[in-house]
């Protein structure tokens, strides 16, 4: 395990006696952050946990739907067991009906970053909401932090097949009942967590299921599930387009990891491919990234209360 070590740099140079005193402030090295990107279903959460168990790290969620409370199946939130004891920030902290903006994300992420750094940990930002990440990075973020971008990529036709099967698994895990519990015929699907794929697609089914015969009801349900699959595949394609735009148009330096082979295998072979092609390679990238000099977290003694402020900020956004 490589420690994320921060070294205090001397701020003032004092020349030998007899020379003119000439002070100057050295440039303060930037704190470091790892940002894991990729389309939905590529294994970003899995990779973030792999990295956080190799390096002393905490994770900041950047998925705009997983930030909300509830709908854990529909939003595919990482479970407590899957978190393996790694602290997570901005995961299920905002009320379902709140309007959570990219600027809200930047504000809360800044607090979470300073909190993590005050504990001498590496912040890992992970999620598929590239618009949030782009807004964050463009908001003077690079002037304060040294960023390492890791992109988990999967050949799109293979990923489409995988996410379609994942929807079937979500249905088996209780997706329909989970969404039914928060169904409201007067709900606005353009706000809050109801924007999540897997919610508006069931609207027609829930409105009519009590008035239909079993055959028609089954047909409506099948249509809803197929619509979820189609919309999830569209989302993955849009996310890939956005990543390529950041890479080629905005010239973001992304470390691409091709995980396609992982999704072409099953069981132990898939795990072995993941370890070889994704986990180990990303660990080498982060290890090299952290070998350069890193500073002490600024004002660490004044940041002990930041963790307590995050729920308050989330509550303010919710109201």
Protein backbone atom coordinates (compact mmCIF):
# COMPACT_ATOMS: atom_id res chain seq x y z
CA UNK A 1 0.00 0.00 0.00
CA UNK A 2 1.42 3.34 -1.02
CA UNK A 3 0.85 6.16 1.50
CA UNK A 4 -0.49 9.44 0.18
CA UNK A 5 2.21 11.48 1.82
CA UNK A 6 2.15 15.28 1.97
CA UNK A 7 5.31 17.22 2.63
CA UNK A 8 5.52 20.74 4.01
CA UNK A 9 7.51 23.02 1.71
CA UNK A 10 9.58 25.91 3.15
CA UNK A 11 7.82 29.16 2.32
CA UNK A 12 10.79 31.46 2.82
CA UNK A 13 14.43 31.22 1.75
CA UNK A 14 16.95 32.92 4.12
CA UNK A 15 20.32 33.55 2.44
CA UNK A 16 23.65 33.30 4.32
CA UNK A 17 24.71 36.16 6.65
CA UNK A 18 26.21 39.18 4.89
CA UNK A 19 23.91 38.83 1.85
CA UNK A 20 20.87 40.97 1.21
CA UNK A 21 17.71 39.38 2.64
CA UNK A 22 15.58 38.37 -0.29
CA UNK A 23 12.47 36.37 0.51
CA UNK A 24 10.18 34.64 -1.89
CA UNK A 25 7.29 32.24 -1.69
CA UNK A 26 7.70 28.91 -3.39
CA UNK A 27 4.95 27.62 -5.59
CA UNK A 28 2.79 25.28 -3.52
CA UNK A 29 2.33 21.84 -5.09
CA UNK A 30 -1.25 20.93 -5.87
CA UNK A 31 -3.25 18.32 -3.98
CA UNK A 32 -4.03 15.27 -6.05
CA UNK A 33 -7.33 13.73 -7.12
CA UNK A 34 -8.21 10.68 -9.23
CA UNK A 35 -11.29 10.90 -11.45
CA UNK A 36 -12.77 7.63 -12.76
CA UNK A 37 -14.97 8.02 -15.83
CA UNK A 38 -16.84 5.76 -18.22
CA UNK A 39 -20.26 4.90 -19.62
CA UNK A 40 -22.89 3.26 -17.46
CA UNK A 41 -22.16 -0.39 -16.74
CA UNK A 42 -18.41 -0.30 -17.45
CA UNK A 43 -17.38 -1.02 -13.85
CA UNK A 44 -16.42 2.42 -12.55
CA UNK A 45 -17.63 1.75 -9.00
CA UNK A 46 -15.81 -1.58 -8.90
CA UNK A 47 -12.59 0.07 -10.03
CA UNK A 48 -12.90 2.89 -7.49
CA UNK A 49 -13.15 0.32 -4.70
CA UNK A 50 -10.15 -1.59 -6.08
CA UNK A 51 -8.10 1.61 -6.00
CA UNK A 52 -9.36 2.68 -2.57
CA UNK A 53 -8.29 -0.65 -1.08
CA UNK A 54 -4.79 -0.28 -2.55
CA UNK A 55 -4.27 3.39 -1.67
CA UNK A 56 -5.56 5.28 1.40
CA UNK A 57 -8.54 6.89 -0.30
CA UNK A 58 -12.16 7.99 0.00
CA UNK A 59 -14.72 8.14 -2.79
CA UNK A 60 -16.89 11.02 -3.99
CA UNK A 61 -19.91 9.98 -6.05
CA UNK A 62 -20.51 12.02 -9.21
CA UNK A 63 -23.55 10.15 -10.54
CA UNK A 64 -26.34 12.72 -10.59
CA UNK A 65 -29.06 10.16 -9.79
CA UNK A 66 -27.16 8.26 -7.08
CA UNK A 67 -26.78 11.53 -5.17
CA UNK A 68 -30.49 11.25 -4.29
CA UNK A 69 -31.98 9.19 -1.48
CA UNK A 70 -33.95 6.10 -2.49
CA UNK A 71 -34.37 3.99 -5.65
CA UNK A 72 -31.19 2.07 -4.90
CA UNK A 73 -32.01 -0.60 -7.50
CA UNK A 74 -33.11 1.79 -10.25
CA UNK A 75 -30.05 4.02 -9.82
CA UNK A 76 -27.75 1.00 -9.34
CA UNK A 77 -26.20 2.37 -6.14
CA UNK A 78 -23.20 0.50 -4.80
CA UNK A 79 -24.27 -1.57 -1.81
CA UNK A 80 -22.74 -1.33 1.65
CA UNK A 81 -21.18 -4.75 1.16
CA UNK A 82 -19.67 -3.70 -2.17
CA UNK A 83 -18.21 -0.57 -0.56
CA UNK A 84 -15.94 -2.81 1.54
CA UNK A 85 -15.62 -0.22 4.28
CA UNK A 86 -14.40 2.56 1.98
CA UNK A 87 -15.98 5.92 2.98
CA UNK A 88 -18.30 7.35 0.31
CA UNK A 89 -19.39 10.97 -0.06
CA UNK A 90 -22.41 12.41 -1.91
CA UNK A 91 -24.14 9.03 -2.11
CA UNK A 92 -27.87 9.13 -1.28
CA UNK A 93 -27.67 12.46 0.56
CA UNK A 94 -30.25 14.64 -1.27
CA UNK A 95 -34.04 14.41 -0.93
CA UNK A 96 -35.76 12.73 -3.92
CA UNK A 97 -37.71 15.78 -5.08
CA UNK A 98 -34.87 18.31 -4.77
CA UNK A 99 -33.40 20.13 -7.73
CA UNK A 100 -29.69 19.32 -7.55
CA UNK A 101 -27.58 21.35 -9.99
CA UNK A 102 -24.05 21.03 -11.33
CA UNK A 103 -23.08 24.00 -9.17
CA UNK A 104 -24.50 22.25 -6.10
CA UNK A 105 -22.32 19.30 -7.02
CA UNK A 106 -19.24 21.52 -7.28
CA UNK A 107 -19.93 23.14 -3.90
CA UNK A 108 -20.45 19.84 -2.09
CA UNK A 109 -17.53 18.19 -3.83
CA UNK A 110 -15.23 21.02 -2.75
CA UNK A 111 -16.21 20.44 0.86
CA UNK A 112 -15.79 16.68 0.52
CA UNK A 113 -12.40 17.15 -1.12
CA UNK A 114 -11.05 19.28 1.70
CA UNK A 115 -12.48 16.88 4.28
CA UNK A 116 -10.76 13.90 2.63
CA UNK A 117 -7.46 15.76 2.24
CA UNK A 118 -7.56 16.85 5.87
CA UNK A 119 -7.43 13.13 6.75
CA UNK A 120 -4.44 12.70 4.40
CA UNK A 121 -6.47 10.53 2.05
CA UNK A 122 -6.64 10.47 -1.74
CA UNK A 123 -9.99 11.70 -3.16
CA UNK A 124 -11.39 9.47 -5.92
CA UNK A 125 -14.30 11.00 -7.85
CA UNK A 126 -16.33 8.39 -9.70
CA UNK A 127 -19.53 8.42 -11.73
CA UNK A 128 -21.06 8.56 -15.17
CA UNK A 129 -22.38 12.13 -15.06
CA UNK A 130 -19.76 13.71 -17.27
CA UNK A 131 -21.58 17.05 -17.24
CA UNK A 132 -21.01 17.27 -13.47
CA UNK A 133 -17.34 16.35 -13.82
CA UNK A 134 -16.84 18.77 -16.70
CA UNK A 135 -18.45 21.61 -14.76
CA UNK A 136 -16.27 20.77 -11.77
CA UNK A 137 -13.01 20.66 -13.73
CA UNK A 138 -13.82 23.84 -15.69
CA UNK A 139 -14.62 25.71 -12.47
CA UNK A 140 -10.96 26.57 -11.68
CA UNK A 141 -10.53 23.02 -10.41
CA UNK A 142 -7.28 22.33 -12.21
CA UNK A 143 -5.73 25.46 -10.73
CA UNK A 144 -6.15 23.90 -7.28
CA UNK A 145 -5.80 20.17 -7.92
CA UNK A 146 -3.61 17.85 -9.94
CA UNK A 147 -6.05 15.52 -11.73
CA UNK A 148 -5.52 11.96 -12.97
CA UNK A 149 -8.35 10.89 -15.32
CA UNK A 150 -8.99 7.16 -15.72
CA UNK A 151 -11.48 6.07 -18.38
CA UNK A 152 -12.95 2.55 -18.32
CA UNK A 153 -14.10 1.76 -21.84
CA UNK A 154 -16.05 -1.18 -23.32
CA UNK A 155 -16.85 -1.77 -27.00
CA UNK A 156 -20.34 -0.31 -27.27
CA UNK A 157 -22.27 -3.24 -28.84
CA UNK A 158 -20.94 -5.53 -26.11
CA UNK A 159 -21.78 -2.96 -23.43
CA UNK A 160 -25.32 -2.63 -24.83
CA UNK A 161 -25.80 -6.36 -24.48
CA UNK A 162 -24.51 -6.26 -20.90
CA UNK A 163 -26.65 -3.34 -19.72
CA UNK A 164 -29.75 -4.96 -21.22
CA UNK A 165 -29.06 -8.10 -19.18
CA UNK A 166 -28.41 -5.89 -16.16
CA UNK A 167 -31.91 -4.42 -16.49
CA UNK A 168 -33.34 -7.95 -16.36
CA UNK A 169 -31.34 -8.55 -13.18
CA UNK A 170 -32.64 -5.30 -11.68
CA UNK A 171 -36.20 -6.49 -12.38
CA UNK A 172 -35.44 -9.77 -10.61
CA UNK A 173 -33.99 -7.78 -7.69
CA UNK A 174 -37.26 -5.88 -7.17
CA UNK A 175 -37.08 -2.87 -9.51
CA UNK A 176 -40.80 -2.82 -10.32
CA UNK A 177 -41.94 -2.79 -6.69
CA UNK A 178 -39.30 -0.22 -5.75
CA UNK A 179 -40.52 2.21 -8.42
CA UNK A 180 -44.18 1.44 -7.70
CA UNK A 181 -43.75 2.56 -4.08
CA UNK A 182 -42.95 6.09 -5.18
CA UNK A 183 -45.35 6.25 -8.13
CA UNK A 184 -47.39 9.45 -8.21
CA UNK A 185 -49.75 10.07 -11.14
CA UNK A 186 -49.14 13.81 -10.73
CA UNK A 187 -45.37 13.53 -10.51
CA UNK A 188 -43.04 15.69 -12.59
CA UNK A 189 -40.56 13.40 -14.34
CA UNK A 190 -38.29 16.32 -15.20
CA UNK A 191 -37.24 16.94 -11.59
CA UNK A 192 -35.34 15.11 -8.88
CA UNK A 193 -34.79 11.38 -8.80
CA UNK A 194 -37.82 10.72 -11.02
CA UNK A 195 -35.65 11.69 -13.99
CA UNK A 196 -33.73 8.42 -13.49
CA UNK A 197 -34.01 5.81 -16.21
CA UNK A 198 -36.31 3.11 -14.87
CA UNK A 199 -38.90 5.49 -13.41
CA UNK A 200 -40.86 7.32 -16.17
CA UNK A 201 -40.87 4.18 -18.32
CA UNK A 202 -43.25 2.49 -15.84
CA UNK A 203 -45.76 5.36 -15.77
CA UNK A 204 -48.20 3.90 -18.31
CA UNK A 205 -48.02 0.47 -16.71
CA UNK A 206 -48.73 1.73 -13.17
CA UNK A 207 -51.60 3.94 -14.35
CA UNK A 208 -53.40 1.09 -16.07
CA UNK A 209 -52.36 -2.19 -14.42
CA UNK A 210 -55.45 -2.48 -12.20
CA UNK A 211 -57.83 -2.08 -15.15
CA UNK A 212 -56.26 -4.52 -17.59
CA UNK A 213 -56.43 -8.25 -18.18
CA UNK A 214 -53.29 -10.24 -17.46
CA UNK A 215 -52.25 -10.53 -21.12
CA UNK A 216 -52.46 -6.80 -21.80
CA UNK A 217 -50.80 -6.01 -18.48
CA UNK A 218 -47.89 -8.34 -19.30
CA UNK A 219 -47.51 -6.66 -22.66
CA UNK A 220 -47.36 -3.20 -21.06
CA UNK A 221 -44.80 -4.41 -18.54
CA UNK A 222 -42.64 -5.91 -21.28
CA UNK A 223 -42.81 -2.64 -23.21
CA UNK A 224 -41.73 -0.69 -20.14
CA UNK A 225 -38.75 -2.97 -19.51
CA UNK A 226 -37.70 -2.82 -23.17
CA UNK A 227 -37.94 0.98 -23.03
CA UNK A 228 -35.64 1.00 -20.01
CA UNK A 229 -33.13 -1.12 -21.91
CA UNK A 230 -33.30 1.12 -24.96
CA UNK A 231 -32.90 4.30 -22.92
CA UNK A 232 -29.99 2.82 -20.94
CA UNK A 233 -28.19 1.95 -24.18
CA UNK A 234 -28.81 5.47 -25.48
CA UNK A 235 -27.40 6.89 -22.26
CA UNK A 236 -24.24 4.78 -22.60
CA UNK A 237 -23.76 6.02 -26.17
CA UNK A 238 -24.22 9.66 -25.14
CA UNK A 239 -21.76 9.22 -22.29
CA UNK A 240 -19.17 7.78 -24.67
CA UNK A 241 -19.72 10.68 -27.09
CA UNK A 242 -19.18 13.15 -24.25
CA UNK A 243 -15.98 11.43 -23.12
CA UNK A 244 -14.64 11.54 -26.67
CA UNK A 245 -15.55 15.23 -26.87
CA UNK A 246 -13.60 15.90 -23.65
CA UNK A 247 -10.70 13.85 -25.00
CA UNK A 248 -10.45 15.21 -28.54
CA UNK A 249 -12.09 18.65 -28.43
CA UNK A 250 -11.15 19.83 -24.94
CA UNK A 251 -7.89 17.85 -24.94
CA UNK A 252 -8.39 16.13 -21.59
CA UNK A 253 -5.60 13.66 -20.93
CA UNK A 254 -7.46 10.43 -20.21
CA UNK A 255 -5.89 7.08 -19.35
CA UNK A 256 -8.07 4.66 -21.35
CA UNK A 257 -8.50 1.12 -20.03
CA UNK A 258 -10.19 -1.28 -22.44
CA UNK A 259 -12.38 -3.64 -20.39
CA UNK A 260 -14.12 -5.23 -23.40
CA UNK A 261 -12.54 -8.64 -22.82
CA UNK A 262 -13.95 -8.70 -19.28
CA UNK A 263 -17.49 -8.56 -20.67
CA UNK A 264 -16.81 -11.33 -23.16
CA UNK A 265 -15.98 -13.79 -20.40
CA UNK A 266 -17.82 -15.25 -17.42
CA UNK A 267 -17.08 -16.12 -13.81
CA UNK A 268 -13.45 -16.59 -12.78
CA UNK A 269 -12.15 -15.83 -16.28
CA UNK A 270 -13.93 -12.47 -16.24
CA UNK A 271 -12.45 -11.65 -12.84
CA UNK A 272 -8.97 -12.56 -14.05
CA UNK A 273 -9.39 -10.35 -17.11
CA UNK A 274 -10.59 -7.48 -14.90
CA UNK A 275 -7.57 -7.77 -12.61
CA UNK A 276 -5.15 -7.91 -15.53
CA UNK A 277 -6.65 -5.31 -17.87
CA UNK A 278 -8.27 -2.83 -15.50
CA UNK A 279 -7.41 -3.14 -11.83
CA UNK A 280 -3.64 -3.67 -12.08
CA UNK A 281 -3.15 -1.17 -14.90
CA UNK A 282 -5.10 1.53 -13.10
CA UNK A 283 -3.13 0.85 -9.92
CA UNK A 284 0.10 1.36 -11.86
CA UNK A 285 -1.22 4.63 -13.31
CA UNK A 286 -2.27 5.95 -9.91
CA UNK A 287 0.94 4.74 -8.31
CA UNK A 288 3.00 6.70 -10.83
CA UNK A 289 0.70 9.72 -10.39
CA UNK A 290 1.25 9.71 -6.62
CA UNK A 291 5.03 9.32 -6.77
CA UNK A 292 5.44 13.02 -7.45
CA UNK A 293 5.59 15.39 -4.53
CA UNK A 294 2.31 16.19 -2.76
CA UNK A 295 1.64 18.98 -0.23
CA UNK A 296 0.06 19.03 3.16
CA UNK A 297 -3.67 19.62 2.97
CA UNK A 298 -4.14 23.33 3.46
CA UNK A 299 -5.56 24.49 6.78
CA UNK A 300 -6.13 20.91 7.93
CA UNK A 301 -6.68 21.99 11.52
CA UNK A 302 -9.67 24.08 10.46
CA UNK A 303 -11.38 21.35 8.43
CA UNK A 304 -12.45 18.86 11.08
CA UNK A 305 -16.06 20.06 10.94
CA UNK A 306 -16.45 19.85 7.15
CA UNK A 307 -17.83 16.32 7.21
CA UNK A 308 -20.62 17.52 9.51
CA UNK A 309 -21.42 20.37 7.12
CA UNK A 310 -22.14 18.14 4.14
CA UNK A 311 -25.52 16.84 5.44
CA UNK A 312 -26.53 20.41 6.26
CA UNK A 313 -25.73 21.52 2.74
CA UNK A 314 -27.68 18.59 1.32
CA UNK A 315 -30.66 19.51 3.52
CA UNK A 316 -30.49 23.12 2.33
CA UNK A 317 -30.53 21.97 -1.32
CA UNK A 318 -33.47 19.67 -0.59
CA UNK A 319 -35.52 22.60 0.70
